[in-house]
Amino acid sequence: MLEVNVKDARSQLSALLNRVEKGEEIIIKRRGKKVARMVPPEPGHQLPRLKDFRASLKVRGKPMSETVINARNEGRY
């Protein structure tokens, strides 16, 4: 486990991410105190693809455009 200070983490972020990607854990310290831990994500624990996420959303009620137009016609802004 590698421990680095914030200044070094900023300047070496890309290299640190490469090490984390390979499975290493990295601790980031500020003034000698641990403030963050970089670890690789758990296998199978990934965000869904944006296209799949959008397809999973269900719209309820009237479309927002219709609601805005009705509010404008009624004189409520």
PDB file of N, CA and C in Angstrom:
ATOM      1  N   MET A   1       0.858  -1.175   0.000  1.00  0.00           N
ATOM      2  CA  MET A   1       0.000   0.000   0.000  1.00  0.00           C
ATOM      3  C   MET A   1       0.899   1.231   0.000  1.00  0.00           C
ATOM      4  N   LEU A   2       0.677   2.091  -0.972  1.00  0.00           N
ATOM      5  CA  LEU A   2       1.450   3.315  -1.131  1.00  0.00           C
ATOM      6  C   LEU A   2       0.735   4.463  -0.440  1.00  0.00           C
ATOM      7  N   GLU A   3       1.502   5.321   0.246  1.00  0.00           N
ATOM      8  CA  GLU A   3       0.947   6.513   0.874  1.00  0.00           C
ATOM      9  C   GLU A   3       1.619   7.736   0.261  1.00  0.00           C
ATOM     10  N   VAL A   4       0.809   8.695  -0.214  1.00  0.00           N
ATOM     11  CA  VAL A   4       1.341   9.906  -0.833  1.00  0.00           C
ATOM     12  C   VAL A   4       0.629  11.120  -0.252  1.00  0.00           C
ATOM     13  N   ASN A   5       1.310  12.280  -0.305  1.00  0.00           N
ATOM     14  CA  ASN A   5       0.646  13.498   0.163  1.00  0.00           C
ATOM     15  C   ASN A   5      -0.156  14.107  -0.988  1.00  0.00           C
ATOM     16  N   VAL A   6      -0.992  15.064  -0.672  1.00  0.00           N
ATOM     17  CA  VAL A   6      -1.907  15.653  -1.645  1.00  0.00           C
ATOM     18  C   VAL A   6      -1.143  16.269  -2.817  1.00  0.00           C
ATOM     19  N   LYS A   7      -0.079  16.990  -2.521  1.00  0.00           N
ATOM     20  CA  LYS A   7       0.690  17.651  -3.584  1.00  0.00           C
ATOM     21  C   LYS A   7       1.224  16.628  -4.584  1.00  0.00           C
ATOM     22  N   ASP A   8       1.808  15.538  -4.081  1.00  0.00           N
ATOM     23  CA  ASP A   8       2.319  14.501  -4.977  1.00  0.00           C
ATOM     24  C   ASP A   8       1.196  13.795  -5.730  1.00  0.00           C
ATOM     25  N   ALA A   9       0.061  13.604  -5.062  1.00  0.00           N
ATOM     26  CA  ALA A   9      -1.079  12.948  -5.714  1.00  0.00           C
ATOM     27  C   ALA A   9      -1.569  13.780  -6.893  1.00  0.00           C
ATOM     28  N   ARG A  10      -1.614  15.105  -6.712  1.00  0.00           N
ATOM     29  CA  ARG A  10      -2.049  15.974  -7.812  1.00  0.00           C
ATOM     30  C   ARG A  10      -1.101  15.875  -9.006  1.00  0.00           C
ATOM     31  N   SER A  11       0.185  15.905  -8.722  1.00  0.00           N
ATOM     32  CA  SER A  11       1.151  15.925  -9.823  1.00  0.00           C
ATOM     33  C   SER A  11       1.315  14.555 -10.486  1.00  0.00           C
ATOM     34  N   GLN A  12       0.931  13.490  -9.774  1.00  0.00           N
ATOM     35  CA  GLN A  12       1.127  12.135 -10.307  1.00  0.00           C
ATOM     36  C   GLN A  12      -0.184  11.373 -10.463  1.00  0.00           C
ATOM     37  N   LEU A  13      -1.280  12.080 -10.600  1.00  0.00           N
ATOM     38  CA  LEU A  13      -2.593  11.424 -10.597  1.00  0.00           C
ATOM     39  C   LEU A  13      -2.705  10.326 -11.651  1.00  0.00           C
ATOM     40  N   SER A  14      -2.271  10.593 -12.858  1.00  0.00           N
ATOM     41  CA  SER A  14      -2.397   9.601 -13.924  1.00  0.00           C
ATOM     42  C   SER A  14      -1.625   8.329 -13.578  1.00  0.00           C
ATOM     43  N   ALA A  15      -0.418   8.483 -13.079  1.00  0.00           N
ATOM     44  CA  ALA A  15       0.392   7.315 -12.708  1.00  0.00           C
ATOM     45  C   ALA A  15      -0.237   6.567 -11.539  1.00  0.00           C
ATOM     46  N   LEU A  16      -0.792   7.303 -10.580  1.00  0.00           N
ATOM     47  CA  LEU A  16      -1.447   6.663  -9.438  1.00  0.00           C
ATOM     48  C   LEU A  16      -2.677   5.878  -9.883  1.00  0.00           C
ATOM     49  N   LEU A  17      -3.449   6.453 -10.804  1.00  0.00           N
ATOM     50  CA  LEU A  17      -4.624   5.740 -11.320  1.00  0.00           C
ATOM     51  C   LEU A  17      -4.226   4.465 -12.053  1.00  0.00           C
ATOM     52  N   ASN A  18      -3.123   4.500 -12.760  1.00  0.00           N
ATOM     53  CA  ASN A  18      -2.638   3.291 -13.429  1.00  0.00           C
ATOM     54  C   ASN A  18      -2.316   2.207 -12.411  1.00  0.00           C
ATOM     55  N   ARG A  19      -1.710   2.594 -11.292  1.00  0.00           N
ATOM     56  CA  ARG A  19      -1.364   1.625 -10.249  1.00  0.00           C
ATOM     57  C   ARG A  19      -2.636   1.061  -9.604  1.00  0.00           C
ATOM     58  N   VAL A  20      -3.611   1.922  -9.366  1.00  0.00           N
ATOM     59  CA  VAL A  20      -4.880   1.471  -8.785  1.00  0.00           C
ATOM     60  C   VAL A  20      -5.580   0.521  -9.743  1.00  0.00           C
ATOM     61  N   GLU A  21      -5.531   0.846 -11.016  1.00  0.00           N
ATOM     62  CA  GLU A  21      -6.162  -0.004 -12.032  1.00  0.00           C
ATOM     63  C   GLU A  21      -5.574  -1.415 -12.021  1.00  0.00           C
ATOM     64  N   LYS A  22      -4.302  -1.527 -11.657  1.00  0.00           N
ATOM     65  CA  LYS A  22      -3.636  -2.829 -11.600  1.00  0.00           C
ATOM     66  C   LYS A  22      -3.904  -3.558 -10.289  1.00  0.00           C
ATOM     67  N   GLY A  23      -4.662  -2.910  -9.362  1.00  0.00           N
ATOM     68  CA  GLY A  23      -5.046  -3.593  -8.141  1.00  0.00           C
ATOM     69  C   GLY A  23      -4.423  -3.041  -6.871  1.00  0.00           C
ATOM     70  N   GLU A  24      -3.585  -2.049  -6.968  1.00  0.00           N
ATOM     71  CA  GLU A  24      -2.915  -1.493  -5.793  1.00  0.00           C
ATOM     72  C   GLU A  24      -3.827  -0.500  -5.065  1.00  0.00           C
ATOM     73  N   GLU A  25      -3.660  -0.421  -3.758  1.00  0.00           N
ATOM     74  CA  GLU A  25      -4.404   0.535  -2.941  1.00  0.00           C
ATOM     75  C   GLU A  25      -3.472   1.694  -2.596  1.00  0.00           C
ATOM     76  N   ILE A  26      -3.989   2.920  -2.684  1.00  0.00           N
ATOM     77  CA  ILE A  26      -3.175   4.107  -2.417  1.00  0.00           C
ATOM     78  C   ILE A  26      -3.892   4.988  -1.404  1.00  0.00           C
ATOM     79  N   ILE A  27      -3.146   5.413  -0.389  1.00  0.00           N
ATOM     80  CA  ILE A  27      -3.666   6.298   0.654  1.00  0.00           C
ATOM     81  C   ILE A  27      -3.143   7.707   0.375  1.00  0.00           C
ATOM     82  N   ILE A  28      -4.035   8.695   0.433  1.00  0.00           N
ATOM     83  CA  ILE A  28      -3.641  10.092   0.247  1.00  0.00           C
ATOM     84  C   ILE A  28      -3.712  10.779   1.601  1.00  0.00           C
ATOM     85  N   LYS A  29      -2.624  11.485   1.940  1.00  0.00           N
ATOM     86  CA  LYS A  29      -2.530  12.150   3.233  1.00  0.00           C
ATOM     87  C   LYS A  29      -2.457  13.662   3.068  1.00  0.00           C
ATOM     88  N   ARG A  30      -3.023  14.354   4.051  1.00  0.00           N
ATOM     89  CA  ARG A  30      -2.907  15.807   4.126  1.00  0.00           C
ATOM     90  C   ARG A  30      -2.347  16.117   5.510  1.00  0.00           C
ATOM     91  N   ARG A  31      -1.186  16.755   5.528  1.00  0.00           N
ATOM     92  CA  ARG A  31      -0.503  17.095   6.792  1.00  0.00           C
ATOM     93  C   ARG A  31      -0.317  15.875   7.679  1.00  0.00           C
ATOM     94  N   GLY A  32       0.008  14.753   7.045  1.00  0.00           N
ATOM     95  CA  GLY A  32       0.291  13.531   7.789  1.00  0.00           C
ATOM     96  C   GLY A  32      -0.917  12.700   8.184  1.00  0.00           C
ATOM     97  N   LYS A  33      -2.125  13.193   7.938  1.00  0.00           N
ATOM     98  CA  LYS A  33      -3.339  12.454   8.282  1.00  0.00           C
ATOM     99  C   LYS A  33      -3.968  11.856   7.029  1.00  0.00           C
ATOM    100  N   LYS A  34      -4.447  10.644   7.132  1.00  0.00           N
ATOM    101  CA  LYS A  34      -5.097   9.981   6.013  1.00  0.00           C
ATOM    102  C   LYS A  34      -6.423  10.671   5.720  1.00  0.00           C
ATOM    103  N   VAL A  35      -6.618  11.069   4.447  1.00  0.00           N
ATOM    104  CA  VAL A  35      -7.863  11.740   4.069  1.00  0.00           C
ATOM    105  C   VAL A  35      -8.616  11.017   2.955  1.00  0.00           C
ATOM    106  N   ALA A  36      -7.939  10.131   2.223  1.00  0.00           N
ATOM    107  CA  ALA A  36      -8.606   9.427   1.130  1.00  0.00           C
ATOM    108  C   ALA A  36      -7.898   8.106   0.856  1.00  0.00           C
ATOM    109  N   ARG A  37      -8.660   7.199   0.257  1.00  0.00           N
ATOM    110  CA  ARG A  37      -8.109   5.912  -0.127  1.00  0.00           C
ATOM    111  C   ARG A  37      -8.570   5.610  -1.543  1.00  0.00           C
ATOM    112  N   MET A  38      -7.635   5.331  -2.412  1.00  0.00           N
ATOM    113  CA  MET A  38      -7.959   4.965  -3.799  1.00  0.00           C
ATOM    114  C   MET A  38      -7.850   3.449  -3.920  1.00  0.00           C
ATOM    115  N   VAL A  39      -8.948   2.829  -4.335  1.00  0.00           N
ATOM    116  CA  VAL A  39      -8.979   1.380  -4.506  1.00  0.00           C
ATOM    117  C   VAL A  39      -9.647   1.060  -5.831  1.00  0.00           C
ATOM    118  N   PRO A  40      -9.317  -0.075  -6.425  1.00  0.00           N
ATOM    119  CA  PRO A  40      -9.998  -0.448  -7.671  1.00  0.00           C
ATOM    120  C   PRO A  40     -11.459  -0.786  -7.384  1.00  0.00           C
ATOM    121  N   PRO A  41     -12.340  -0.567  -8.343  1.00  0.00           N
ATOM    122  CA  PRO A  41     -13.755  -0.899  -8.133  1.00  0.00           C
ATOM    123  C   PRO A  41     -13.944  -2.401  -8.007  1.00  0.00           C
ATOM    124  N   GLU A  42     -15.006  -2.774  -7.302  1.00  0.00           N
ATOM    125  CA  GLU A  42     -15.321  -4.189  -7.171  1.00  0.00           C
ATOM    126  C   GLU A  42     -15.766  -4.729  -8.524  1.00  0.00           C
ATOM    127  N   PRO A  43     -15.387  -5.956  -8.852  1.00  0.00           N
ATOM    128  CA  PRO A  43     -15.815  -6.527 -10.135  1.00  0.00           C
ATOM    129  C   PRO A  43     -17.336  -6.604 -10.214  1.00  0.00           C
ATOM    130  N   GLY A  44     -17.866  -6.256 -11.356  1.00  0.00           N
ATOM    131  CA  GLY A  44     -19.304  -6.322 -11.566  1.00  0.00           C
ATOM    132  C   GLY A  44     -20.069  -5.174 -10.936  1.00  0.00           C
ATOM    133  N   HIS A  45     -19.364  -4.219 -10.373  1.00  0.00           N
ATOM    134  CA  HIS A  45     -20.013  -3.075  -9.723  1.00  0.00           C
ATOM    135  C   HIS A  45     -19.750  -1.822 -10.562  1.00  0.00           C
ATOM    136  N   GLN A  46     -20.338  -1.797 -11.747  1.00  0.00           N
ATOM    137  CA  GLN A  46     -20.121  -0.688 -12.669  1.00  0.00           C
ATOM    138  C   GLN A  46     -21.443   0.019 -12.935  1.00  0.00           C
ATOM    139  N   LEU A  47     -21.337   1.273 -13.318  1.00  0.00           N
ATOM    140  CA  LEU A  47     -22.523   2.028 -13.676  1.00  0.00           C
ATOM    141  C   LEU A  47     -23.095   1.515 -14.996  1.00  0.00           C
ATOM    142  N   PRO A  48     -24.398   1.593 -15.168  1.00  0.00           N
ATOM    143  CA  PRO A  48     -24.984   1.144 -16.432  1.00  0.00           C
ATOM    144  C   PRO A  48     -24.603   2.096 -17.571  1.00  0.00           C
ATOM    145  N   ARG A  49     -24.652   1.584 -18.783  1.00  0.00           N
ATOM    146  CA  ARG A  49     -24.403   2.444 -19.939  1.00  0.00           C
ATOM    147  C   ARG A  49     -25.484   3.506 -19.981  1.00  0.00           C
ATOM    148  N   LEU A  50     -25.125   4.706 -20.427  1.00  0.00           N
ATOM    149  CA  LEU A  50     -26.061   5.822 -20.441  1.00  0.00           C
ATOM    150  C   LEU A  50     -27.292   5.498 -21.273  1.00  0.00           C
ATOM    151  N   LYS A  51     -27.104   4.827 -22.401  1.00  0.00           N
ATOM    152  CA  LYS A  51     -28.228   4.462 -23.266  1.00  0.00           C
ATOM    153  C   LYS A  51     -29.205   3.540 -22.520  1.00  0.00           C
ATOM    154  N   ASP A  52     -28.668   2.563 -21.785  1.00  0.00           N
ATOM    155  CA  ASP A  52     -29.519   1.643 -21.023  1.00  0.00           C
ATOM    156  C   ASP A  52     -30.222   2.364 -19.883  1.00  0.00           C
ATOM    157  N   PHE A  53     -29.506   3.281 -19.224  1.00  0.00           N
ATOM    158  CA  PHE A  53     -30.104   4.037 -18.127  1.00  0.00           C
ATOM    159  C   PHE A  53     -31.266   4.881 -18.624  1.00  0.00           C
ATOM    160  N   ARG A  54     -31.070   5.586 -19.725  1.00  0.00           N
ATOM    161  CA  ARG A  54     -32.148   6.416 -20.285  1.00  0.00           C
ATOM    162  C   ARG A  54     -33.346   5.572 -20.678  1.00  0.00           C
ATOM    163  N   ALA A  55     -33.085   4.389 -21.235  1.00  0.00           N
ATOM    164  CA  ALA A  55     -34.180   3.515 -21.654  1.00  0.00           C
ATOM    165  C   ALA A  55     -34.965   3.002 -20.447  1.00  0.00           C
ATOM    166  N   SER A  56     -34.321   2.934 -19.282  1.00  0.00           N
ATOM    167  CA  SER A  56     -35.002   2.411 -18.095  1.00  0.00           C
ATOM    168  C   SER A  56     -35.896   3.447 -17.420  1.00  0.00           C
ATOM    169  N   LEU A  57     -35.762   4.720 -17.775  1.00  0.00           N
ATOM    170  CA  LEU A  57     -36.563   5.770 -17.155  1.00  0.00           C
ATOM    171  C   LEU A  57     -37.981   5.749 -17.706  1.00  0.00           C
ATOM    172  N   LYS A  58     -38.926   5.855 -16.820  1.00  0.00           N
ATOM    173  CA  LYS A  58     -40.335   5.883 -17.212  1.00  0.00           C
ATOM    174  C   LYS A  58     -40.889   7.278 -16.931  1.00  0.00           C
ATOM    175  N   VAL A  59     -41.470   7.901 -17.934  1.00  0.00           N
ATOM    176  CA  VAL A  59     -42.029   9.243 -17.792  1.00  0.00           C
ATOM    177  C   VAL A  59     -43.477   9.116 -17.338  1.00  0.00           C
ATOM    178  N   ARG A  60     -43.824   9.871 -16.279  1.00  0.00           N
ATOM    179  CA  ARG A  60     -45.184   9.859 -15.774  1.00  0.00           C
ATOM    180  C   ARG A  60     -45.768  11.253 -15.920  1.00  0.00           C
ATOM    181  N   GLY A  61     -47.047  11.339 -16.162  1.00  0.00           N
ATOM    182  CA  GLY A  61     -47.706  12.631 -16.269  1.00  0.00           C
ATOM    183  C   GLY A  61     -47.517  13.257 -17.631  1.00  0.00           C
ATOM    184  N   LYS A  62     -47.860  14.558 -17.684  1.00  0.00           N
ATOM    185  CA  LYS A  62     -47.759  15.301 -18.941  1.00  0.00           C
ATOM    186  C   LYS A  62     -46.298  15.652 -19.231  1.00  0.00           C
ATOM    187  N   PRO A  63     -45.977  15.813 -20.507  1.00  0.00           N
ATOM    188  CA  PRO A  63     -44.626  16.269 -20.836  1.00  0.00           C
ATOM    189  C   PRO A  63     -44.377  17.673 -20.272  1.00  0.00           C
ATOM    190  N   MET A  64     -43.161  17.964 -19.902  1.00  0.00           N
ATOM    191  CA  MET A  64     -42.818  19.251 -19.315  1.00  0.00           C
ATOM    192  C   MET A  64     -43.128  20.398 -20.279  1.00  0.00           C
ATOM    193  N   SER A  65     -42.900  20.168 -21.579  1.00  0.00           N
ATOM    194  CA  SER A  65     -43.172  21.234 -22.547  1.00  0.00           C
ATOM    195  C   SER A  65     -44.643  21.633 -22.515  1.00  0.00           C
ATOM    196  N   GLU A  66     -45.519  20.654 -22.401  1.00  0.00           N
ATOM    197  CA  GLU A  66     -46.956  20.938 -22.342  1.00  0.00           C
ATOM    198  C   GLU A  66     -47.303  21.699 -21.058  1.00  0.00           C
ATOM    199  N   THR A  67     -46.696  21.328 -19.961  1.00  0.00           N
ATOM    200  CA  THR A  67     -46.931  22.000 -18.684  1.00  0.00           C
ATOM    201  C   THR A  67     -46.495  23.458 -18.751  1.00  0.00           C
ATOM    202  N   VAL A  68     -45.343  23.726 -19.348  1.00  0.00           N
ATOM    203  CA  VAL A  68     -44.825  25.096 -19.465  1.00  0.00           C
ATOM    204  C   VAL A  68     -45.739  25.929 -20.355  1.00  0.00           C
ATOM    205  N   ILE A  69     -46.144  25.366 -21.493  1.00  0.00           N
ATOM    206  CA  ILE A  69     -47.027  26.094 -22.410  1.00  0.00           C
ATOM    207  C   ILE A  69     -48.348  26.419 -21.731  1.00  0.00           C
ATOM    208  N   ASN A  70     -48.911  25.470 -21.005  1.00  0.00           N
ATOM    209  CA  ASN A  70     -50.177  25.723 -20.283  1.00  0.00           C
ATOM    210  C   ASN A  70     -50.006  26.803 -19.231  1.00  0.00           C
ATOM    211  N   ALA A  71     -48.915  26.801 -18.520  1.00  0.00           N
ATOM    212  CA  ALA A  71     -48.661  27.808 -17.493  1.00  0.00           C
ATOM    213  C   ALA A  71     -48.518  29.175 -18.119  1.00  0.00           C
ATOM    214  N   ARG A  72     -47.867  29.270 -19.262  1.00  0.00           N
ATOM    215  CA  ARG A  72     -47.726  30.543 -19.953  1.00  0.00           C
ATOM    216  C   ARG A  72     -49.077  31.062 -20.439  1.00  0.00           C
ATOM    217  N   ASN A  73     -49.899  30.163 -20.955  1.00  0.00           N
ATOM    218  CA  ASN A  73     -51.216  30.553 -21.444  1.00  0.00           C
ATOM    219  C   ASN A  73     -52.118  31.010 -20.305  1.00  0.00           C
ATOM    220  N   GLU A  74     -51.942  30.461 -19.137  1.00  0.00           N
ATOM    221  CA  GLU A  74     -52.746  30.842 -17.988  1.00  0.00           C
ATOM    222  C   GLU A  74     -52.202  32.106 -17.325  1.00  0.00           C
ATOM    223  N   GLY A  75     -51.046  32.583 -17.768  1.00  0.00           N
ATOM    224  CA  GLY A  75     -50.489  33.823 -17.220  1.00  0.00           C
ATOM    225  C   GLY A  75     -49.663  33.606 -15.955  1.00  0.00           C
ATOM    226  N   ARG A  76     -49.330  32.388 -15.615  1.00  0.00           N
ATOM    227  CA  ARG A  76     -48.478  32.128 -14.460  1.00  0.00           C
ATOM    228  C   ARG A  76     -47.068  31.809 -14.959  1.00  0.00           C
ATOM    229  N   TYR A  77     -46.141  32.643 -14.597  1.00  0.00           N
ATOM    230  CA  TYR A  77     -44.753  32.422 -15.028  1.00  0.00           C
ATOM    231  C   TYR A  77     -43.924  31.916 -13.891  1.00  0.00           C
TER     232      TYR A  77
END
